[in-house]
């Protein structure tokens, strides 16, 4: 058990980090269940390629990650604002992307 703890010692496991990873896992589980219950069909939104729900989730998560990294590197404003904006962008990509 101690070797397992040492393997993750480099990571600062705070409550916000735990919440973040829990949300990602819950999104993936939810998308998996949704795909099993109702298989997605490719569609063309405002993204330049036809996408499925999973594609849009992946693109939205990547966009949110890059947005948060840019926010952290370019501004001194609280990161919570970036997380809120990134969530709205993720919802927009999922809905209309």
PDB file of N, CA and C in Angstrom:
ATOM      1  N   UNK A   1       0.817  -1.187   0.000  1.00  0.00           N
ATOM      2  CA  UNK A   1       0.000   0.000   0.000  1.00  0.00           C
ATOM      3  C   UNK A   1       0.864   1.254   0.000  1.00  0.00           C
ATOM      4  N   UNK A   2       1.999   1.204   0.695  1.00  0.00           N
ATOM      5  CA  UNK A   2       2.879   2.366   0.757  1.00  0.00           C
ATOM      6  C   UNK A   2       3.473   2.684  -0.610  1.00  0.00           C
ATOM      7  N   UNK A   3       3.767   1.640  -1.412  1.00  0.00           N
ATOM      8  CA  UNK A   3       4.312   1.896  -2.749  1.00  0.00           C
ATOM      9  C   UNK A   3       3.277   2.584  -3.638  1.00  0.00           C
ATOM     10  N   UNK A   4       2.014   2.263  -3.435  1.00  0.00           N
ATOM     11  CA  UNK A   4       0.945   2.935  -4.178  1.00  0.00           C
ATOM     12  C   UNK A   4       0.853   4.404  -3.778  1.00  0.00           C
ATOM     13  N   UNK A   5       0.992   4.688  -2.508  1.00  0.00           N
ATOM     14  CA  UNK A   5       0.980   6.079  -2.045  1.00  0.00           C
ATOM     15  C   UNK A   5       2.174   6.845  -2.595  1.00  0.00           C
ATOM     16  N   UNK A   6       3.331   6.209  -2.656  1.00  0.00           N
ATOM     17  CA  UNK A   6       4.521   6.861  -3.190  1.00  0.00           C
ATOM     18  C   UNK A   6       4.383   7.131  -4.688  1.00  0.00           C
ATOM     19  N   UNK A   7       3.653   6.278  -5.399  1.00  0.00           N
ATOM     20  CA  UNK A   7       3.468   6.468  -6.829  1.00  0.00           C
ATOM     21  C   UNK A   7       2.702   7.749  -7.131  1.00  0.00           C
ATOM     22  N   UNK A   8       1.815   8.158  -6.225  1.00  0.00           N
ATOM     23  CA  UNK A   8       1.013   9.362  -6.429  1.00  0.00           C
ATOM     24  C   UNK A   8       1.448  10.520  -5.540  1.00  0.00           C
ATOM     25  N   UNK A   9       2.618  10.428  -4.940  1.00  0.00           N
ATOM     26  CA  UNK A   9       3.088  11.465  -4.020  1.00  0.00           C
ATOM     27  C   UNK A   9       3.394  12.776  -4.731  1.00  0.00           C
ATOM     28  N   UNK A  10       3.686  12.730  -6.028  1.00  0.00           N
ATOM     29  CA  UNK A  10       4.002  13.947  -6.778  1.00  0.00           C
ATOM     30  C   UNK A  10       2.778  14.838  -6.952  1.00  0.00           C
ATOM     31  N   UNK A  11       1.576  14.276  -6.824  1.00  0.00           N
ATOM     32  CA  UNK A  11       0.341  15.026  -7.066  1.00  0.00           C
ATOM     33  C   UNK A  11      -0.195  15.584  -5.757  1.00  0.00           C
ATOM     34  N   UNK A  12      -0.595  16.833  -5.781  1.00  0.00           N
ATOM     35  CA  UNK A  12      -1.211  17.445  -4.614  1.00  0.00           C
ATOM     36  C   UNK A  12      -2.699  17.137  -4.659  1.00  0.00           C
ATOM     37  N   UNK A  13      -3.133  16.195  -3.883  1.00  0.00           N
ATOM     38  CA  UNK A  13      -4.530  15.776  -3.892  1.00  0.00           C
ATOM     39  C   UNK A  13      -5.325  16.649  -2.923  1.00  0.00           C
ATOM     40  N   UNK A  14      -5.817  17.741  -3.449  1.00  0.00           N
ATOM     41  CA  UNK A  14      -6.669  18.631  -2.668  1.00  0.00           C
ATOM     42  C   UNK A  14      -8.117  18.338  -3.011  1.00  0.00           C
ATOM     43  N   UNK A  15      -9.031  18.946  -2.280  1.00  0.00           N
ATOM     44  CA  UNK A  15     -10.452  18.728  -2.548  1.00  0.00           C
ATOM     45  C   UNK A  15     -10.844  19.197  -3.956  1.00  0.00           C
ATOM     46  N   UNK A  16     -10.400  20.376  -4.429  1.00  0.00           N
ATOM     47  CA  UNK A  16     -10.756  20.762  -5.801  1.00  0.00           C
ATOM     48  C   UNK A  16     -10.253  19.773  -6.855  1.00  0.00           C
ATOM     49  N   UNK A  17      -9.060  19.217  -6.654  1.00  0.00           N
ATOM     50  CA  UNK A  17      -8.531  18.237  -7.603  1.00  0.00           C
ATOM     51  C   UNK A  17      -9.385  16.971  -7.576  1.00  0.00           C
ATOM     52  N   UNK A  18      -9.748  16.536  -6.391  1.00  0.00           N
ATOM     53  CA  UNK A  18     -10.598  15.341  -6.258  1.00  0.00           C
ATOM     54  C   UNK A  18     -11.962  15.568  -6.909  1.00  0.00           C
ATOM     55  N   UNK A  19     -12.536  16.742  -6.722  1.00  0.00           N
ATOM     56  CA  UNK A  19     -13.834  17.060  -7.335  1.00  0.00           C
ATOM     57  C   UNK A  19     -13.706  17.074  -8.853  1.00  0.00           C
ATOM     58  N   UNK A  20     -12.633  17.666  -9.359  1.00  0.00           N
ATOM     59  CA  UNK A  20     -12.412  17.730 -10.805  1.00  0.00           C
ATOM     60  C   UNK A  20     -12.354  16.331 -11.405  1.00  0.00           C
ATOM     61  N   UNK A  21     -11.510  15.469 -10.853  1.00  0.00           N
ATOM     62  CA  UNK A  21     -11.374  14.125 -11.411  1.00  0.00           C
ATOM     63  C   UNK A  21     -12.644  13.298 -11.220  1.00  0.00           C
ATOM     64  N   UNK A  22     -13.351  13.510 -10.134  1.00  0.00           N
ATOM     65  CA  UNK A  22     -14.627  12.819  -9.933  1.00  0.00           C
ATOM     66  C   UNK A  22     -15.624  13.236 -11.000  1.00  0.00           C
ATOM     67  N   UNK A  23     -15.674  14.525 -11.315  1.00  0.00           N
ATOM     68  CA  UNK A  23     -16.593  15.008 -12.355  1.00  0.00           C
ATOM     69  C   UNK A  23     -16.249  14.419 -13.719  1.00  0.00           C
ATOM     70  N   UNK A  24     -14.958  14.327 -14.036  1.00  0.00           N
ATOM     71  CA  UNK A  24     -14.545  13.737 -15.313  1.00  0.00           C
ATOM     72  C   UNK A  24     -14.977  12.272 -15.381  1.00  0.00           C
ATOM     73  N   UNK A  25     -14.739  11.525 -14.319  1.00  0.00           N
ATOM     74  CA  UNK A  25     -15.137  10.114 -14.291  1.00  0.00           C
ATOM     75  C   UNK A  25     -16.652   9.979 -14.424  1.00  0.00           C
ATOM     76  N   UNK A  26     -17.415  10.806 -13.710  1.00  0.00           N
ATOM     77  CA  UNK A  26     -18.876  10.744 -13.793  1.00  0.00           C
ATOM     78  C   UNK A  26     -19.366  11.091 -15.200  1.00  0.00           C
ATOM     79  N   UNK A  27     -18.707  12.065 -15.854  1.00  0.00           N
ATOM     80  CA  UNK A  27     -19.079  12.393 -17.239  1.00  0.00           C
ATOM     81  C   UNK A  27     -18.842  11.208 -18.159  1.00  0.00           C
ATOM     82  N   UNK A  28     -17.704  10.547 -18.013  1.00  0.00           N
ATOM     83  CA  UNK A  28     -17.395   9.405 -18.867  1.00  0.00           C
ATOM     84  C   UNK A  28     -18.357   8.245 -18.627  1.00  0.00           C
ATOM     85  N   UNK A  29     -18.676   7.988 -17.368  1.00  0.00           N
ATOM     86  CA  UNK A  29     -19.637   6.922 -17.052  1.00  0.00           C
ATOM     87  C   UNK A  29     -21.012   7.272 -17.614  1.00  0.00           C
ATOM     88  N   UNK A  30     -21.433   8.518 -17.429  1.00  0.00           N
ATOM     89  CA  UNK A  30     -22.724   8.955 -17.953  1.00  0.00           C
ATOM     90  C   UNK A  30     -22.796   8.864 -19.471  1.00  0.00           C
ATOM     91  N   UNK A  31     -21.724   9.281 -20.150  1.00  0.00           N
ATOM     92  CA  UNK A  31     -21.704   9.194 -21.610  1.00  0.00           C
ATOM     93  C   UNK A  31     -21.718   7.740 -22.079  1.00  0.00           C
ATOM     94  N   UNK A  32     -21.041   6.860 -21.355  1.00  0.00           N
ATOM     95  CA  UNK A  32     -21.045   5.442 -21.712  1.00  0.00           C
ATOM     96  C   UNK A  32     -22.446   4.861 -21.588  1.00  0.00           C
ATOM     97  N   UNK A  33     -23.111   5.144 -20.487  1.00  0.00           N
ATOM     98  CA  UNK A  33     -24.484   4.651 -20.296  1.00  0.00           C
ATOM     99  C   UNK A  33     -25.410   5.218 -21.364  1.00  0.00           C
ATOM    100  N   UNK A  34     -25.280   6.522 -21.657  1.00  0.00           N
ATOM    101  CA  UNK A  34     -26.100   7.167 -22.678  1.00  0.00           C
ATOM    102  C   UNK A  34     -25.867   6.520 -24.045  1.00  0.00           C
ATOM    103  N   UNK A  35     -24.601   6.204 -24.371  1.00  0.00           N
ATOM    104  CA  UNK A  35     -24.283   5.579 -25.649  1.00  0.00           C
ATOM    105  C   UNK A  35     -24.873   4.179 -25.748  1.00  0.00           C
ATOM    106  N   UNK A  36     -24.871   3.443 -24.634  1.00  0.00           N
ATOM    107  CA  UNK A  36     -25.449   2.094 -24.636  1.00  0.00           C
ATOM    108  C   UNK A  36     -26.967   2.168 -24.805  1.00  0.00           C
ATOM    109  N   UNK A  37     -27.603   3.090 -24.092  1.00  0.00           N
ATOM    110  CA  UNK A  37     -29.062   3.219 -24.147  1.00  0.00           C
ATOM    111  C   UNK A  37     -29.536   3.798 -25.474  1.00  0.00           C
ATOM    112  N   UNK A  38     -28.798   4.774 -26.013  1.00  0.00           N
ATOM    113  CA  UNK A  38     -29.204   5.467 -27.227  1.00  0.00           C
ATOM    114  C   UNK A  38     -27.960   5.783 -28.058  1.00  0.00           C
ATOM    115  N   UNK A  39     -27.580   4.871 -28.961  1.00  0.00           N
ATOM    116  CA  UNK A  39     -26.375   5.108 -29.757  1.00  0.00           C
ATOM    117  C   UNK A  39     -26.449   6.432 -30.525  1.00  0.00           C
ATOM    118  N   UNK A  40     -25.337   7.148 -30.533  1.00  0.00           N
ATOM    119  CA  UNK A  40     -25.327   8.462 -31.182  1.00  0.00           C
ATOM    120  C   UNK A  40     -25.142   8.320 -32.684  1.00  0.00           C
ATOM    121  N   UNK A  41     -25.574   9.353 -33.387  1.00  0.00           N
ATOM    122  CA  UNK A  41     -25.447   9.423 -34.836  1.00  0.00           C
ATOM    123  C   UNK A  41     -24.585  10.639 -35.144  1.00  0.00           C
ATOM    124  N   UNK A  42     -23.687  10.500 -36.118  1.00  0.00           N
ATOM    125  CA  UNK A  42     -22.878  11.654 -36.502  1.00  0.00           C
ATOM    126  C   UNK A  42     -23.774  12.757 -37.030  1.00  0.00           C
ATOM    127  N   UNK A  43     -23.443  13.991 -36.662  1.00  0.00           N
ATOM    128  CA  UNK A  43     -24.178  15.141 -37.190  1.00  0.00           C
ATOM    129  C   UNK A  43     -23.210  16.289 -37.398  1.00  0.00           C
ATOM    130  N   UNK A  44     -23.625  17.229 -38.204  1.00  0.00           N
ATOM    131  CA  UNK A  44     -22.788  18.387 -38.528  1.00  0.00           C
ATOM    132  C   UNK A  44     -23.385  19.601 -37.846  1.00  0.00           C
ATOM    133  N   UNK A  45     -22.620  20.184 -36.932  1.00  0.00           N
ATOM    134  CA  UNK A  45     -23.001  21.435 -36.293  1.00  0.00           C
ATOM    135  C   UNK A  45     -22.077  22.529 -36.782  1.00  0.00           C
ATOM    136  N   UNK A  46     -21.697  23.460 -35.912  1.00  0.00           N
ATOM    137  CA  UNK A  46     -20.787  24.518 -36.331  1.00  0.00           C
ATOM    138  C   UNK A  46     -19.321  24.105 -36.300  1.00  0.00           C
ATOM    139  N   UNK A  47     -19.024  22.932 -35.772  1.00  0.00           N
ATOM    140  CA  UNK A  47     -17.658  22.415 -35.893  1.00  0.00           C
ATOM    141  C   UNK A  47     -17.425  22.003 -37.346  1.00  0.00           C
ATOM    142  N   UNK A  48     -16.197  22.080 -37.834  1.00  0.00           N
ATOM    143  CA  UNK A  48     -15.948  21.828 -39.261  1.00  0.00           C
ATOM    144  C   UNK A  48     -15.991  20.355 -39.677  1.00  0.00           C
ATOM    145  N   UNK A  49     -16.311  19.459 -38.738  1.00  0.00           N
ATOM    146  CA  UNK A  49     -16.367  18.033 -39.059  1.00  0.00           C
ATOM    147  C   UNK A  49     -17.639  17.428 -38.479  1.00  0.00           C
ATOM    148  N   UNK A  50     -18.159  16.352 -39.088  1.00  0.00           N
ATOM    149  CA  UNK A  50     -19.278  15.643 -38.470  1.00  0.00           C
ATOM    150  C   UNK A  50     -18.803  14.975 -37.175  1.00  0.00           C
ATOM    151  N   UNK A  51     -19.594  15.071 -36.111  1.00  0.00           N
ATOM    152  CA  UNK A  51     -19.168  14.549 -34.806  1.00  0.00           C
ATOM    153  C   UNK A  51     -20.290  13.764 -34.140  1.00  0.00           C
ATOM    154  N   UNK A  52     -19.887  12.869 -33.246  1.00  0.00           N
ATOM    155  CA  UNK A  52     -20.821  12.174 -32.372  1.00  0.00           C
ATOM    156  C   UNK A  52     -20.771  12.852 -31.007  1.00  0.00           C
ATOM    157  N   UNK A  53     -21.617  12.411 -30.074  1.00  0.00           N
ATOM    158  CA  UNK A  53     -21.599  12.980 -28.714  1.00  0.00           C
ATOM    159  C   UNK A  53     -20.230  12.832 -28.074  1.00  0.00           C
ATOM    160  N   UNK A  54     -19.621  11.668 -28.220  1.00  0.00           N
ATOM    161  CA  UNK A  54     -18.310  11.425 -27.627  1.00  0.00           C
ATOM    162  C   UNK A  54     -17.240  12.328 -28.221  1.00  0.00           C
ATOM    163  N   UNK A  55     -17.309  12.534 -29.542  1.00  0.00           N
ATOM    164  CA  UNK A  55     -16.364  13.445 -30.186  1.00  0.00           C
ATOM    165  C   UNK A  55     -16.504  14.858 -29.616  1.00  0.00           C
ATOM    166  N   UNK A  56     -17.746  15.312 -29.483  1.00  0.00           N
ATOM    167  CA  UNK A  56     -17.984  16.663 -28.971  1.00  0.00           C
ATOM    168  C   UNK A  56     -17.550  16.790 -27.515  1.00  0.00           C
ATOM    169  N   UNK A  57     -17.737  15.738 -26.707  1.00  0.00           N
ATOM    170  CA  UNK A  57     -17.265  15.769 -25.326  1.00  0.00           C
ATOM    171  C   UNK A  57     -15.746  15.897 -25.301  1.00  0.00           C
ATOM    172  N   UNK A  58     -15.057  15.107 -26.108  1.00  0.00           N
ATOM    173  CA  UNK A  58     -13.595  15.151 -26.159  1.00  0.00           C
ATOM    174  C   UNK A  58     -13.106  16.526 -26.610  1.00  0.00           C
ATOM    175  N   UNK A  59     -13.686  17.062 -27.672  1.00  0.00           N
ATOM    176  CA  UNK A  59     -13.301  18.381 -28.172  1.00  0.00           C
ATOM    177  C   UNK A  59     -13.595  19.449 -27.127  1.00  0.00           C
ATOM    178  N   UNK A  60     -14.748  19.349 -26.471  1.00  0.00           N
ATOM    179  CA  UNK A  60     -15.107  20.320 -25.437  1.00  0.00           C
ATOM    180  C   UNK A  60     -14.176  20.270 -24.236  1.00  0.00           C
ATOM    181  N   UNK A  61     -13.791  19.064 -23.810  1.00  0.00           N
ATOM    182  CA  UNK A  61     -12.867  18.935 -22.681  1.00  0.00           C
ATOM    183  C   UNK A  61     -11.479  19.467 -23.035  1.00  0.00           C
ATOM    184  N   UNK A  62     -11.019  19.191 -24.256  1.00  0.00           N
ATOM    185  CA  UNK A  62      -9.733  19.742 -24.692  1.00  0.00           C
ATOM    186  C   UNK A  62      -9.785  21.266 -24.736  1.00  0.00           C
ATOM    187  N   UNK A  63     -10.864  21.804 -25.295  1.00  0.00           N
ATOM    188  CA  UNK A  63     -11.010  23.258 -25.355  1.00  0.00           C
ATOM    189  C   UNK A  63     -11.036  23.879 -23.969  1.00  0.00           C
ATOM    190  N   UNK A  64     -11.751  23.230 -23.043  1.00  0.00           N
ATOM    191  CA  UNK A  64     -11.825  23.740 -21.669  1.00  0.00           C
ATOM    192  C   UNK A  64     -10.449  23.695 -21.001  1.00  0.00           C
ATOM    193  N   UNK A  65      -9.704  22.638 -21.257  1.00  0.00           N
ATOM    194  CA  UNK A  65      -8.353  22.532 -20.672  1.00  0.00           C
ATOM    195  C   UNK A  65      -7.445  23.632 -21.203  1.00  0.00           C
ATOM    196  N   UNK A  66      -7.450  23.831 -22.516  1.00  0.00           N
ATOM    197  CA  UNK A  66      -6.610  24.884 -23.100  1.00  0.00           C
ATOM    198  C   UNK A  66      -7.045  26.269 -22.622  1.00  0.00           C
ATOM    199  N   UNK A  67      -8.347  26.480 -22.515  1.00  0.00           N
ATOM    200  CA  UNK A  67      -8.844  27.775 -22.038  1.00  0.00           C
ATOM    201  C   UNK A  67      -8.371  28.026 -20.607  1.00  0.00           C
ATOM    202  N   UNK A  68      -8.477  27.026 -19.743  1.00  0.00           N
ATOM    203  CA  UNK A  68      -8.041  27.180 -18.352  1.00  0.00           C
ATOM    204  C   UNK A  68      -6.537  27.399 -18.251  1.00  0.00           C
ATOM    205  N   UNK A  69      -5.757  26.689 -19.071  1.00  0.00           N
ATOM    206  CA  UNK A  69      -4.311  26.893 -19.062  1.00  0.00           C
ATOM    207  C   UNK A  69      -3.951  28.306 -19.524  1.00  0.00           C
ATOM    208  N   UNK A  70      -4.602  28.768 -20.584  1.00  0.00           N
ATOM    209  CA  UNK A  70      -4.340  30.121 -21.071  1.00  0.00           C
ATOM    210  C   UNK A  70      -4.729  31.152 -20.014  1.00  0.00           C
ATOM    211  N   UNK A  71      -5.865  30.940 -19.367  1.00  0.00           N
ATOM    212  CA  UNK A  71      -6.326  31.853 -18.313  1.00  0.00           C
ATOM    213  C   UNK A  71      -5.300  31.927 -17.183  1.00  0.00           C
ATOM    214  N   UNK A  72      -4.829  30.753 -16.759  1.00  0.00           N
ATOM    215  CA  UNK A  72      -3.860  30.709 -15.657  1.00  0.00           C
ATOM    216  C   UNK A  72      -2.542  31.368 -16.044  1.00  0.00           C
ATOM    217  N   UNK A  73      -2.147  31.237 -17.295  1.00  0.00           N
ATOM    218  CA  UNK A  73      -0.881  31.790 -17.725  1.00  0.00           C
ATOM    219  C   UNK A  73      -0.917  33.260 -18.099  1.00  0.00           C
ATOM    220  N   UNK A  74      -2.096  33.763 -18.484  1.00  0.00           N
ATOM    221  CA  UNK A  74      -2.170  35.120 -19.013  1.00  0.00           C
ATOM    222  C   UNK A  74      -2.859  36.133 -18.099  1.00  0.00           C
ATOM    223  N   UNK A  75      -3.568  35.664 -17.080  1.00  0.00           N
ATOM    224  CA  UNK A  75      -4.275  36.597 -16.201  1.00  0.00           C
ATOM    225  C   UNK A  75      -3.985  36.282 -14.739  1.00  0.00           C
ATOM    226  N   UNK A  76      -4.321  37.245 -13.894  1.00  0.00           N
ATOM    227  CA  UNK A  76      -4.229  37.030 -12.450  1.00  0.00           C
ATOM    228  C   UNK A  76      -5.611  36.884 -11.825  1.00  0.00           C
ATOM    229  N   UNK A  77      -6.636  36.813 -12.655  1.00  0.00           N
ATOM    230  CA  UNK A  77      -8.012  36.698 -12.183  1.00  0.00           C
ATOM    231  C   UNK A  77      -8.234  35.281 -11.655  1.00  0.00           C
ATOM    232  N   UNK A  78      -9.103  35.149 -10.654  1.00  0.00           N
ATOM    233  CA  UNK A  78      -9.374  33.865 -10.002  1.00  0.00           C
ATOM    234  C   UNK A  78      -9.743  32.794 -11.029  1.00  0.00           C
ATOM    235  N   UNK A  79      -9.176  31.611 -10.863  1.00  0.00           N
ATOM    236  CA  UNK A  79      -9.370  30.508 -11.809  1.00  0.00           C
ATOM    237  C   UNK A  79     -10.816  30.012 -11.850  1.00  0.00           C
ATOM    238  N   UNK A  80     -11.583  30.291 -10.811  1.00  0.00           N
ATOM    239  CA  UNK A  80     -12.990  29.875 -10.800  1.00  0.00           C
ATOM    240  C   UNK A  80     -13.784  30.500 -11.937  1.00  0.00           C
ATOM    241  N   UNK A  81     -13.454  31.730 -12.308  1.00  0.00           N
ATOM    242  CA  UNK A  81     -14.130  32.365 -13.432  1.00  0.00           C
ATOM    243  C   UNK A  81     -13.845  31.613 -14.728  1.00  0.00           C
ATOM    244  N   UNK A  82     -12.602  31.206 -14.907  1.00  0.00           N
ATOM    245  CA  UNK A  82     -12.229  30.448 -16.102  1.00  0.00           C
ATOM    246  C   UNK A  82     -12.957  29.111 -16.138  1.00  0.00           C
ATOM    247  N   UNK A  83     -13.080  28.463 -15.002  1.00  0.00           N
ATOM    248  CA  UNK A  83     -13.778  27.179 -14.946  1.00  0.00           C
ATOM    249  C   UNK A  83     -15.242  27.353 -15.337  1.00  0.00           C
ATOM    250  N   UNK A  84     -15.862  28.425 -14.863  1.00  0.00           N
ATOM    251  CA  UNK A  84     -17.260  28.691 -15.216  1.00  0.00           C
ATOM    252  C   UNK A  84     -17.421  28.949 -16.701  1.00  0.00           C
ATOM    253  N   UNK A  85     -16.545  29.772 -17.271  1.00  0.00           N
ATOM    254  CA  UNK A  85     -16.612  30.062 -18.706  1.00  0.00           C
ATOM    255  C   UNK A  85     -16.333  28.789 -19.512  1.00  0.00           C
ATOM    256  N   UNK A  86     -15.353  28.012 -19.087  1.00  0.00           N
ATOM    257  CA  UNK A  86     -15.024  26.768 -19.789  1.00  0.00           C
ATOM    258  C   UNK A  86     -16.192  25.786 -19.749  1.00  0.00           C
ATOM    259  N   UNK A  87     -16.929  25.749 -18.639  1.00  0.00           N
ATOM    260  CA  UNK A  87     -18.101  24.876 -18.556  1.00  0.00           C
ATOM    261  C   UNK A  87     -19.162  25.312 -19.564  1.00  0.00           C
ATOM    262  N   UNK A  88     -19.380  26.613 -19.670  1.00  0.00           N
ATOM    263  CA  UNK A  88     -20.351  27.126 -20.649  1.00  0.00           C
ATOM    264  C   UNK A  88     -19.898  26.766 -22.066  1.00  0.00           C
ATOM    265  N   UNK A  89     -18.613  26.910 -22.352  1.00  0.00           N
ATOM    266  CA  UNK A  89     -18.091  26.533 -23.671  1.00  0.00           C
ATOM    267  C   UNK A  89     -18.275  25.036 -23.939  1.00  0.00           C
ATOM    268  N   UNK A  90     -18.046  24.213 -22.924  1.00  0.00           N
ATOM    269  CA  UNK A  90     -18.258  22.768 -23.069  1.00  0.00           C
ATOM    270  C   UNK A  90     -19.709  22.459 -23.393  1.00  0.00           C
ATOM    271  N   UNK A  91     -20.630  23.107 -22.695  1.00  0.00           N
ATOM    272  CA  UNK A  91     -22.059  22.890 -22.959  1.00  0.00           C
ATOM    273  C   UNK A  91     -22.402  23.334 -24.371  1.00  0.00           C
ATOM    274  N   UNK A  92     -21.845  24.460 -24.824  1.00  0.00           N
ATOM    275  CA  UNK A  92     -22.117  24.938 -26.192  1.00  0.00           C
ATOM    276  C   UNK A  92     -21.605  23.947 -27.243  1.00  0.00           C
ATOM    277  N   UNK A  93     -20.407  23.408 -27.032  1.00  0.00           N
ATOM    278  CA  UNK A  93     -19.867  22.430 -27.985  1.00  0.00           C
ATOM    279  C   UNK A  93     -20.727  21.169 -27.981  1.00  0.00           C
ATOM    280  N   UNK A  94     -21.144  20.724 -26.808  1.00  0.00           N
ATOM    281  CA  UNK A  94     -21.980  19.524 -26.731  1.00  0.00           C
ATOM    282  C   UNK A  94     -23.333  19.726 -27.405  1.00  0.00           C
ATOM    283  N   UNK A  95     -23.895  20.901 -27.262  1.00  0.00           N
ATOM    284  CA  UNK A  95     -25.235  21.158 -27.803  1.00  0.00           C
ATOM    285  C   UNK A  95     -25.221  21.497 -29.288  1.00  0.00           C
ATOM    286  N   UNK A  96     -24.372  22.427 -29.692  1.00  0.00           N
ATOM    287  CA  UNK A  96     -24.436  22.950 -31.053  1.00  0.00           C
ATOM    288  C   UNK A  96     -23.212  22.641 -31.898  1.00  0.00           C
ATOM    289  N   UNK A  97     -22.210  21.993 -31.329  1.00  0.00           N
ATOM    290  CA  UNK A  97     -20.953  21.766 -32.048  1.00  0.00           C
ATOM    291  C   UNK A  97     -20.988  20.756 -33.126  1.00  0.00           C
TER     292      UNK A  97
END
